[in-house]
Protein backbone atom coordinates (compact mmCIF):
# COMPACT_ATOMS: atom_id res chain seq x y z
CA MET A 1 93.94 99.61 126.72
CA SER A 2 97.70 99.64 126.14
CA THR A 3 99.51 99.70 122.84
CA THR A 4 102.76 98.16 121.68
CA PRO A 5 105.14 100.90 120.48
CA LEU A 6 106.81 100.47 117.10
CA SER A 7 107.19 104.18 116.38
CA TYR A 8 109.70 105.39 113.77
CA ILE A 9 110.44 101.91 112.37
CA ASN A 10 111.06 101.32 108.67
CA LEU A 11 108.76 98.50 107.54
CA ARG A 12 108.92 99.49 103.88
CA GLY A 13 108.00 96.73 101.44
CA LEU A 14 107.48 94.01 104.06
CA ASP A 15 104.84 91.29 103.74
CA LEU A 16 102.62 91.72 106.79
CA SER A 17 99.55 90.24 105.11
CA GLY A 18 97.02 88.59 107.39
CA LEU A 19 98.82 89.58 110.60
CA ASP A 20 97.13 90.82 113.76
CA LEU A 21 98.57 94.33 114.09
CA SER A 22 95.89 95.51 116.51
CA ASP A 23 96.76 97.96 119.28
CA ILE A 24 100.21 98.73 117.86
CA ASP A 25 101.56 102.28 117.77
CA PHE A 26 102.79 102.78 114.19
CA SER A 27 103.35 106.55 114.65
CA ASP A 28 105.86 107.89 112.12
CA CYS A 29 106.47 104.41 110.65
CA ASP A 30 107.18 103.81 106.99
CA LEU A 31 104.86 101.11 105.62
CA SER A 32 105.20 102.26 102.02
CA GLY A 33 104.94 99.44 99.52
CA ALA A 34 104.11 96.92 102.25
CA ASN A 35 101.70 94.04 101.67
CA LEU A 36 99.02 94.61 104.30
CA LYS A 37 96.24 92.51 102.74
CA ARG A 38 93.79 91.26 105.37
CA ALA A 39 95.93 92.70 108.20
CA ASN A 40 94.04 93.67 111.35
CA PHE A 41 94.75 97.25 112.51
CA GLU A 42 91.94 97.37 115.12
CA GLY A 43 92.85 100.05 117.69
CA ALA A 44 96.24 100.79 116.09
CA ILE A 45 97.74 104.29 116.26
CA LEU A 46 98.56 105.51 112.75
CA LYS A 47 99.79 109.04 113.41
CA ARG A 48 101.89 110.27 110.43
CA THR A 49 102.23 106.67 109.15
CA ASN A 50 103.34 106.38 105.50
CA PHE A 51 101.12 103.97 103.52
CA LYS A 52 102.20 105.13 100.04
CA ASP A 53 101.77 102.25 97.54
CA ALA A 54 100.90 99.82 100.36
CA ASP A 55 98.35 97.12 99.54
CA LEU A 56 95.53 97.46 102.09
CA GLU A 57 93.04 95.21 100.28
CA GLY A 58 90.76 93.61 102.86
CA ALA A 59 92.63 95.20 105.78
CA HIS A 60 90.55 95.81 108.91
CA LEU A 61 90.87 99.48 109.89
CA GLY A 62 88.14 99.66 112.54
CA SER A 63 88.72 101.90 115.55
CA ILE A 64 92.11 103.11 114.32
CA ARG A 65 93.54 106.13 116.08
CA LEU A 66 95.13 108.92 114.14
CA ASP A 67 96.73 110.49 117.21
CA ARG A 68 97.86 109.27 120.62
CA ASP A 69 94.73 110.58 122.35
CA GLY A 70 92.39 108.61 120.13
CA VAL A 71 90.73 111.78 118.87
C-alpha cells in the first residue's frame, strides 16, 4: 500500500471535516486547531503530527500508523 506524502505542511486551522484523508503521510504536519470532524484517517501516517486543539469528533482513526514502518 502506498501513501501520499504531505509531510511538514502547515494545515493549522483548516476545515477538513468529512474528507477522506486515508493513506496520507502527515508526518511532522501541523493540524492544530483544524476541524477534522468525521474525517477518515484509515492507514494514515501520523508521526509527530500536531493535533493540539483540533476537533476530531467522529474521526475514523482505524489502522493509523505512528511511524513510517507501521509499527
